[in-house]
């Protein structure tokens, strides 16, 4: 029992250290839904919080999370000014499914594609969904991996803290 607690403490410390090593959104090229190339480190929200969410069309928890956020996103924006960038990690084989899927959703946030996994690798994303919260100065201040219903409530609490609401 003591060994498992020690291992858990070490794993937690490693996660905190890994998260703190990634201060800002790194330089990596992603594509808009129109195919325009954009460097992710140019994303900004005029001093307001940003959410960067990694997802894929084949990932059911990812789609549930983004749909849950989409249901309240207008309210989140109105109250905090938060901006969401959803980054699809569908590779070149499944990338053709992204636009039809997104077009069938009522998503009011920006969607990007990372077909070569450049941003995914640069941000050390190993599992999806993976959500990062970025403060108004561009610092990554929080991240969460996986999705359970209700996780969006915790995310919004963090967004409100950052926005001073």
C-alpha atoms as a PDB file:
ATOM      1  CA  UNK A   1       0.000   0.000   0.000  1.00  0.00           C
ATOM      2  CA  UNK A   2       2.811   2.387   0.907  1.00  0.00           C
ATOM      3  CA  UNK A   3       4.570   1.567  -2.376  1.00  0.00           C
ATOM      4  CA  UNK A   4       1.487   2.409  -4.434  1.00  0.00           C
ATOM      5  CA  UNK A   5       1.082   5.730  -2.626  1.00  0.00           C
ATOM      6  CA  UNK A   6       4.724   6.541  -3.288  1.00  0.00           C
ATOM      7  CA  UNK A   7       4.354   5.620  -6.954  1.00  0.00           C
ATOM      8  CA  UNK A   8       1.190   7.724  -7.202  1.00  0.00           C
ATOM      9  CA  UNK A   9       2.978  10.695  -5.632  1.00  0.00           C
ATOM     10  CA  UNK A  10       5.908  10.313  -8.038  1.00  0.00           C
ATOM     11  CA  UNK A  11       3.574  10.023 -11.041  1.00  0.00           C
ATOM     12  CA  UNK A  12       1.654  13.118  -9.930  1.00  0.00           C
ATOM     13  CA  UNK A  13       4.877  15.064  -9.499  1.00  0.00           C
ATOM     14  CA  UNK A  14       6.037  13.997 -12.971  1.00  0.00           C
ATOM     15  CA  UNK A  15       2.725  15.151 -14.467  1.00  0.00           C
ATOM     16  CA  UNK A  16       2.985  18.529 -12.739  1.00  0.00           C
ATOM     17  CA  UNK A  17       6.583  18.926 -13.898  1.00  0.00           C
ATOM     18  CA  UNK A  18       5.659  17.949 -17.449  1.00  0.00           C
ATOM     19  CA  UNK A  19       2.772  20.412 -17.467  1.00  0.00           C
ATOM     20  CA  UNK A  20       4.894  23.228 -16.103  1.00  0.00           C
ATOM     21  CA  UNK A  21       7.554  22.578 -18.740  1.00  0.00           C
ATOM     22  CA  UNK A  22       5.066  23.569 -21.430  1.00  0.00           C
ATOM     23  CA  UNK A  23       4.576  27.274 -20.823  1.00  0.00           C
ATOM     24  CA  UNK A  24       3.039  28.543 -24.060  1.00  0.00           C
ATOM     25  CA  UNK A  25       1.443  27.150 -27.180  1.00  0.00           C
ATOM     26  CA  UNK A  26       4.414  26.004 -29.260  1.00  0.00           C
ATOM     27  CA  UNK A  27       5.230  26.844 -32.836  1.00  0.00           C
ATOM     28  CA  UNK A  28       3.528  24.241 -35.032  1.00  0.00           C
ATOM     29  CA  UNK A  29       1.583  24.468 -38.266  1.00  0.00           C
ATOM     30  CA  UNK A  30      -2.081  23.468 -38.331  1.00  0.00           C
ATOM     31  CA  UNK A  31      -4.734  23.929 -41.014  1.00  0.00           C
ATOM     32  CA  UNK A  32      -8.055  25.733 -40.961  1.00  0.00           C
ATOM     33  CA  UNK A  33     -11.099  23.944 -42.301  1.00  0.00           C
ATOM     34  CA  UNK A  34     -10.395  25.729 -45.608  1.00  0.00           C
ATOM     35  CA  UNK A  35      -6.868  24.302 -45.761  1.00  0.00           C
ATOM     36  CA  UNK A  36      -5.098  27.558 -44.843  1.00  0.00           C
ATOM     37  CA  UNK A  37      -1.920  26.945 -42.838  1.00  0.00           C
ATOM     38  CA  UNK A  38      -1.659  28.735 -39.490  1.00  0.00           C
ATOM     39  CA  UNK A  39       1.039  28.699 -36.822  1.00  0.00           C
ATOM     40  CA  UNK A  40      -0.631  27.752 -33.541  1.00  0.00           C
ATOM     41  CA  UNK A  41       1.645  30.047 -31.529  1.00  0.00           C
ATOM     42  CA  UNK A  42      -0.056  33.029 -33.203  1.00  0.00           C
ATOM     43  CA  UNK A  43      -3.413  32.188 -31.606  1.00  0.00           C
ATOM     44  CA  UNK A  44      -4.566  34.886 -29.211  1.00  0.00           C
ATOM     45  CA  UNK A  45      -7.735  36.156 -27.642  1.00  0.00           C
ATOM     46  CA  UNK A  46      -6.946  39.767 -26.749  1.00  0.00           C
ATOM     47  CA  UNK A  47      -5.991  38.969 -23.162  1.00  0.00           C
ATOM     48  CA  UNK A  48      -8.909  36.618 -22.514  1.00  0.00           C
ATOM     49  CA  UNK A  49      -8.705  32.866 -21.813  1.00  0.00           C
ATOM     50  CA  UNK A  50      -8.443  30.274 -24.586  1.00  0.00           C
ATOM     51  CA  UNK A  51      -9.230  26.579 -24.614  1.00  0.00           C
ATOM     52  CA  UNK A  52      -7.288  24.260 -26.926  1.00  0.00           C
ATOM     53  CA  UNK A  53      -8.972  20.884 -27.282  1.00  0.00           C
ATOM     54  CA  UNK A  54      -7.470  17.920 -29.158  1.00  0.00           C
ATOM     55  CA  UNK A  55     -10.030  15.523 -30.622  1.00  0.00           C
ATOM     56  CA  UNK A  56     -10.685  13.163 -33.557  1.00  0.00           C
ATOM     57  CA  UNK A  57     -13.717  12.008 -35.522  1.00  0.00           C
ATOM     58  CA  UNK A  58     -13.146   8.421 -34.362  1.00  0.00           C
ATOM     59  CA  UNK A  59     -13.047   9.410 -30.655  1.00  0.00           C
ATOM     60  CA  UNK A  60     -16.503   9.135 -29.045  1.00  0.00           C
ATOM     61  CA  UNK A  61     -15.533  10.847 -25.741  1.00  0.00           C
ATOM     62  CA  UNK A  62     -14.013  13.721 -27.758  1.00  0.00           C
ATOM     63  CA  UNK A  63     -17.226  14.279 -29.666  1.00  0.00           C
ATOM     64  CA  UNK A  64     -19.301  14.107 -26.471  1.00  0.00           C
ATOM     65  CA  UNK A  65     -17.048  16.685 -24.798  1.00  0.00           C
ATOM     66  CA  UNK A  66     -17.146  19.123 -27.709  1.00  0.00           C
ATOM     67  CA  UNK A  67     -20.922  18.743 -28.025  1.00  0.00           C
ATOM     68  CA  UNK A  68     -21.347  19.405 -24.287  1.00  0.00           C
ATOM     69  CA  UNK A  69     -19.197  22.531 -24.581  1.00  0.00           C
ATOM     70  CA  UNK A  70     -21.033  23.624 -27.746  1.00  0.00           C
ATOM     71  CA  UNK A  71     -24.312  23.574 -25.803  1.00  0.00           C
ATOM     72  CA  UNK A  72     -23.018  26.263 -23.411  1.00  0.00           C
ATOM     73  CA  UNK A  73     -20.288  27.929 -25.473  1.00  0.00           C
ATOM     74  CA  UNK A  74     -22.305  31.069 -26.303  1.00  0.00           C
ATOM     75  CA  UNK A  75     -22.945  31.646 -22.594  1.00  0.00           C
ATOM     76  CA  UNK A  76     -19.273  31.012 -21.779  1.00  0.00           C
ATOM     77  CA  UNK A  77     -18.198  33.533 -24.408  1.00  0.00           C
ATOM     78  CA  UNK A  78     -20.684  36.132 -23.253  1.00  0.00           C
ATOM     79  CA  UNK A  79     -19.641  35.830 -19.607  1.00  0.00           C
ATOM     80  CA  UNK A  80     -15.859  35.370 -19.955  1.00  0.00           C
ATOM     81  CA  UNK A  81     -14.869  36.070 -23.566  1.00  0.00           C
ATOM     82  CA  UNK A  82     -13.242  32.625 -23.775  1.00  0.00           C
ATOM     83  CA  UNK A  83     -12.297  31.292 -27.213  1.00  0.00           C
ATOM     84  CA  UNK A  84     -12.078  27.597 -28.102  1.00  0.00           C
ATOM     85  CA  UNK A  85      -9.806  26.056 -30.706  1.00  0.00           C
ATOM     86  CA  UNK A  86     -10.712  22.435 -31.431  1.00  0.00           C
ATOM     87  CA  UNK A  87      -7.759  20.653 -33.042  1.00  0.00           C
ATOM     88  CA  UNK A  88      -8.551  17.469 -34.935  1.00  0.00           C
ATOM     89  CA  UNK A  89      -5.730  14.948 -34.915  1.00  0.00           C
ATOM     90  CA  UNK A  90      -7.322  12.873 -37.668  1.00  0.00           C
ATOM     91  CA  UNK A  91      -4.485  11.756 -39.923  1.00  0.00           C
ATOM     92  CA  UNK A  92      -4.398  11.948 -43.712  1.00  0.00           C
ATOM     93  CA  UNK A  93      -6.471   8.740 -43.964  1.00  0.00           C
ATOM     94  CA  UNK A  94      -9.379  10.068 -41.890  1.00  0.00           C
ATOM     95  CA  UNK A  95      -8.962  13.830 -42.420  1.00  0.00           C
ATOM     96  CA  UNK A  96     -11.647  13.818 -45.139  1.00  0.00           C
ATOM     97  CA  UNK A  97     -14.229  12.980 -42.444  1.00  0.00           C
ATOM     98  CA  UNK A  98     -13.526  16.111 -40.376  1.00  0.00           C
ATOM     99  CA  UNK A  99     -15.300  18.765 -42.488  1.00  0.00           C
ATOM    100  CA  UNK A 100     -18.517  16.748 -43.017  1.00  0.00           C
ATOM    101  CA  UNK A 101     -18.655  15.943 -39.309  1.00  0.00           C
ATOM    102  CA  UNK A 102     -18.001  19.534 -38.196  1.00  0.00           C
ATOM    103  CA  UNK A 103     -20.483  20.911 -40.743  1.00  0.00           C
ATOM    104  CA  UNK A 104     -23.153  18.659 -39.227  1.00  0.00           C
ATOM    105  CA  UNK A 105     -22.595  20.079 -35.740  1.00  0.00           C
ATOM    106  CA  UNK A 106     -23.757  23.347 -34.222  1.00  0.00           C
ATOM    107  CA  UNK A 107     -20.222  24.315 -33.208  1.00  0.00           C
ATOM    108  CA  UNK A 108     -19.527  28.041 -32.998  1.00  0.00           C
ATOM    109  CA  UNK A 109     -15.843  27.605 -32.215  1.00  0.00           C
ATOM    110  CA  UNK A 110     -12.799  27.420 -34.451  1.00  0.00           C
ATOM    111  CA  UNK A 111     -11.774  24.001 -35.755  1.00  0.00           C
ATOM    112  CA  UNK A 112      -8.283  23.210 -36.995  1.00  0.00           C
ATOM    113  CA  UNK A 113      -6.660  20.081 -38.379  1.00  0.00           C
ATOM    114  CA  UNK A 114      -3.270  18.693 -37.371  1.00  0.00           C
ATOM    115  CA  UNK A 115      -2.881  15.916 -39.980  1.00  0.00           C
ATOM    116  CA  UNK A 116       0.865  15.509 -39.440  1.00  0.00           C
ATOM    117  CA  UNK A 117       0.483  15.612 -35.629  1.00  0.00           C
ATOM    118  CA  UNK A 118       2.964  18.501 -35.374  1.00  0.00           C
ATOM    119  CA  UNK A 119       1.034  20.385 -32.678  1.00  0.00           C
ATOM    120  CA  UNK A 120       0.021  17.150 -30.971  1.00  0.00           C
ATOM    121  CA  UNK A 121       3.683  16.145 -30.604  1.00  0.00           C
ATOM    122  CA  UNK A 122       4.811  19.646 -29.636  1.00  0.00           C
ATOM    123  CA  UNK A 123       2.230  19.772 -26.831  1.00  0.00           C
ATOM    124  CA  UNK A 124       2.958  16.205 -25.719  1.00  0.00           C
ATOM    125  CA  UNK A 125      -0.602  14.983 -26.304  1.00  0.00           C
ATOM    126  CA  UNK A 126      -0.680  11.206 -25.933  1.00  0.00           C
ATOM    127  CA  UNK A 127      -4.383  10.541 -25.362  1.00  0.00           C
ATOM    128  CA  UNK A 128      -7.506  12.350 -26.461  1.00  0.00           C
ATOM    129  CA  UNK A 129      -9.583  14.197 -25.643  1.00  0.00           C
ATOM    130  CA  UNK A 130      -6.902  16.445 -24.193  1.00  0.00           C
ATOM    131  CA  UNK A 131      -7.857  19.957 -23.171  1.00  0.00           C
ATOM    132  CA  UNK A 132      -5.522  22.849 -22.378  1.00  0.00           C
ATOM    133  CA  UNK A 133      -6.534  26.116 -20.745  1.00  0.00           C
ATOM    134  CA  UNK A 134      -4.453  29.127 -21.749  1.00  0.00           C
ATOM    135  CA  UNK A 135      -4.524  32.410 -19.851  1.00  0.00           C
ATOM    136  CA  UNK A 136      -4.750  35.856 -21.414  1.00  0.00           C
ATOM    137  CA  UNK A 137      -0.972  36.144 -21.719  1.00  0.00           C
ATOM    138  CA  UNK A 138      -0.706  32.860 -23.605  1.00  0.00           C
ATOM    139  CA  UNK A 139       0.516  30.700 -20.696  1.00  0.00           C
ATOM    140  CA  UNK A 140      -0.815  27.157 -20.431  1.00  0.00           C
ATOM    141  CA  UNK A 141      -2.216  27.073 -16.912  1.00  0.00           C
ATOM    142  CA  UNK A 142      -4.229  23.849 -16.787  1.00  0.00           C
ATOM    143  CA  UNK A 143      -4.796  20.682 -18.749  1.00  0.00           C
ATOM    144  CA  UNK A 144      -7.104  17.719 -18.571  1.00  0.00           C
ATOM    145  CA  UNK A 145      -7.078  14.360 -20.285  1.00  0.00           C
ATOM    146  CA  UNK A 146     -10.143  12.227 -21.109  1.00  0.00           C
ATOM    147  CA  UNK A 147     -13.796  13.167 -20.645  1.00  0.00           C
ATOM    148  CA  UNK A 148     -16.578  12.269 -18.273  1.00  0.00           C
ATOM    149  CA  UNK A 149     -19.942  14.055 -18.346  1.00  0.00           C
ATOM    150  CA  UNK A 150     -19.606  17.079 -16.086  1.00  0.00           C
ATOM    151  CA  UNK A 151     -15.913  17.700 -16.840  1.00  0.00           C
ATOM    152  CA  UNK A 152     -16.989  20.767 -18.798  1.00  0.00           C
ATOM    153  CA  UNK A 153     -18.287  22.258 -15.528  1.00  0.00           C
ATOM    154  CA  UNK A 154     -14.815  21.992 -13.979  1.00  0.00           C
ATOM    155  CA  UNK A 155     -13.317  23.518 -17.125  1.00  0.00           C
ATOM    156  CA  UNK A 156     -15.721  26.442 -16.970  1.00  0.00           C
ATOM    157  CA  UNK A 157     -14.886  27.060 -13.303  1.00  0.00           C
ATOM    158  CA  UNK A 158     -11.228  27.347 -14.324  1.00  0.00           C
ATOM    159  CA  UNK A 159     -12.142  29.674 -17.214  1.00  0.00           C
ATOM    160  CA  UNK A 160     -14.135  31.921 -14.874  1.00  0.00           C
ATOM    161  CA  UNK A 161     -11.223  32.064 -12.411  1.00  0.00           C
ATOM    162  CA  UNK A 162      -8.919  33.190 -15.215  1.00  0.00           C
ATOM    163  CA  UNK A 163     -11.419  35.749 -16.441  1.00  0.00           C
ATOM    164  CA  UNK A 164     -11.906  37.092 -12.917  1.00  0.00           C
ATOM    165  CA  UNK A 165     -15.610  36.202 -12.901  1.00  0.00           C
END
